[in-house]
């Protein structure tokens, strides 16, 4: 799931399937808090090159063109904005080295 979250946050070409898969396991009760460090590690591998902000509109289109035909009557159960914001929260909470939100340790003079 950490790799799936990294893909949703940093994939060059957006894929609605990432968000659907994350939502599916979230609804099954998966503990994302338990893998926050692993997610941050996976994001660090990309040097924090996020693409999620650039892909919102494309993902909304994919929701209609790629997801709706597959889900059929279950389509209304997929709340894209909810899962998009959930995934986005991992960007805001990332702590890879160099991330502006990373808490830096104070260095005491010897």
Protein backbone atom coordinates (compact mmCIF):
# COMPACT_ATOMS: atom_id res chain seq x y z
CA UNK A 1 0.00 0.00 0.00
CA UNK A 2 2.92 2.36 0.57
CA UNK A 3 3.92 1.90 -3.06
CA UNK A 4 0.34 2.51 -4.19
CA UNK A 5 0.22 5.72 -2.14
CA UNK A 6 3.56 6.84 -3.60
CA UNK A 7 2.22 6.18 -7.10
CA UNK A 8 -0.91 8.22 -6.43
CA UNK A 9 1.18 11.13 -5.19
CA UNK A 10 4.01 11.10 -7.73
CA UNK A 11 2.97 9.24 -10.90
CA UNK A 12 3.88 11.15 -14.07
CA UNK A 13 0.73 9.97 -15.82
CA UNK A 14 -2.23 9.97 -13.42
CA UNK A 15 -4.14 6.75 -12.84
CA UNK A 16 -7.56 6.72 -11.21
CA UNK A 17 -6.99 3.05 -10.35
CA UNK A 18 -4.50 4.11 -7.66
CA UNK A 19 -7.18 6.13 -5.91
CA UNK A 20 -9.78 3.39 -6.32
CA UNK A 21 -7.44 0.79 -4.83
CA UNK A 22 -6.54 3.03 -1.90
CA UNK A 23 -10.22 3.74 -1.24
CA UNK A 24 -11.03 0.04 -1.41
CA UNK A 25 -8.48 -0.97 1.24
CA UNK A 26 -9.37 2.09 3.33
CA UNK A 27 -12.98 0.89 3.44
CA UNK A 28 -11.74 -2.53 4.51
CA UNK A 29 -10.18 -0.91 7.58
CA UNK A 30 -6.53 -0.82 6.51
CA UNK A 31 -4.37 1.11 8.99
CA UNK A 32 -2.59 3.76 6.90
CA UNK A 33 -1.26 5.40 10.05
CA UNK A 34 0.74 2.25 10.65
CA UNK A 35 2.67 2.70 7.41
CA UNK A 36 3.22 6.48 7.40
CA UNK A 37 6.98 6.06 7.81
CA UNK A 38 7.11 3.57 4.96
CA UNK A 39 5.06 5.90 2.75
CA UNK A 40 7.46 8.76 3.58
CA UNK A 41 10.38 6.47 2.69
CA UNK A 42 8.78 5.58 -0.66
CA UNK A 43 8.17 9.26 -1.41
CA UNK A 44 11.78 10.06 -0.52
CA UNK A 45 12.86 7.67 -3.29
CA UNK A 46 11.31 10.14 -5.75
CA UNK A 47 12.93 13.10 -3.97
CA UNK A 48 9.45 14.34 -3.19
CA UNK A 49 8.56 15.10 -6.79
CA UNK A 50 4.83 15.32 -6.30
CA UNK A 51 2.51 15.39 -9.30
CA UNK A 52 -0.85 15.00 -7.54
CA UNK A 53 -1.63 18.72 -7.61
CA UNK A 54 -1.24 18.83 -11.38
CA UNK A 55 -3.52 15.85 -12.02
CA UNK A 56 -6.79 16.66 -10.26
CA UNK A 57 -8.67 17.54 -13.46
CA UNK A 58 -7.29 14.57 -15.40
CA UNK A 59 -8.26 12.23 -12.57
CA UNK A 60 -11.80 13.64 -12.51
CA UNK A 61 -12.05 12.88 -16.24
CA UNK A 62 -10.65 9.36 -15.72
CA UNK A 63 -13.25 8.84 -13.03
CA UNK A 64 -15.91 9.23 -15.72
CA UNK A 65 -14.14 7.57 -18.65
CA UNK A 66 -12.25 4.73 -16.95
CA UNK A 67 -13.95 4.02 -13.64
CA UNK A 68 -17.65 4.61 -14.22
CA UNK A 69 -17.96 2.01 -17.02
CA UNK A 70 -16.27 -0.62 -14.83
CA UNK A 71 -18.13 0.08 -11.58
CA UNK A 72 -21.59 0.46 -13.11
CA UNK A 73 -24.21 0.79 -10.37
CA UNK A 74 -21.54 0.84 -7.66
CA UNK A 75 -20.09 4.03 -9.15
CA UNK A 76 -21.90 6.43 -6.75
CA UNK A 77 -20.07 4.70 -3.86
CA UNK A 78 -16.75 6.09 -5.09
CA UNK A 79 -16.27 9.53 -3.51
CA UNK A 80 -13.34 10.87 -5.51
CA UNK A 81 -12.93 14.12 -3.58
CA UNK A 82 -12.81 12.24 -0.27
CA UNK A 83 -10.09 9.85 -1.39
CA UNK A 84 -8.17 12.56 -3.27
CA UNK A 85 -8.01 14.65 -0.08
CA UNK A 86 -7.03 11.57 1.94
CA UNK A 87 -4.13 10.85 -0.42
CA UNK A 88 -3.21 14.53 -0.49
CA UNK A 89 -2.93 14.51 3.30
CA UNK A 90 0.08 12.20 2.97
CA UNK A 91 1.81 14.84 0.88
CA UNK A 92 1.21 17.45 3.55
CA UNK A 93 2.43 15.10 6.28
CA UNK A 94 5.46 13.75 4.47
CA UNK A 95 8.76 13.86 6.30
CA UNK A 96 11.29 12.86 3.64
CA UNK A 97 14.68 14.59 4.00
CA UNK A 98 14.50 18.14 2.70
CA UNK A 99 10.69 18.38 2.79
CA UNK A 100 9.62 21.83 4.06
CA UNK A 101 7.42 20.20 6.72
CA UNK A 102 10.23 18.05 8.11
CA UNK A 103 11.03 18.81 11.72
CA UNK A 104 14.70 19.64 11.99
CA UNK A 105 16.63 18.74 15.13
CA UNK A 106 18.36 21.55 16.89
CA UNK A 107 22.14 21.27 16.80
CA UNK A 108 23.76 22.25 20.05
CA UNK A 109 27.24 23.71 19.97
CA UNK A 110 29.83 21.50 21.69
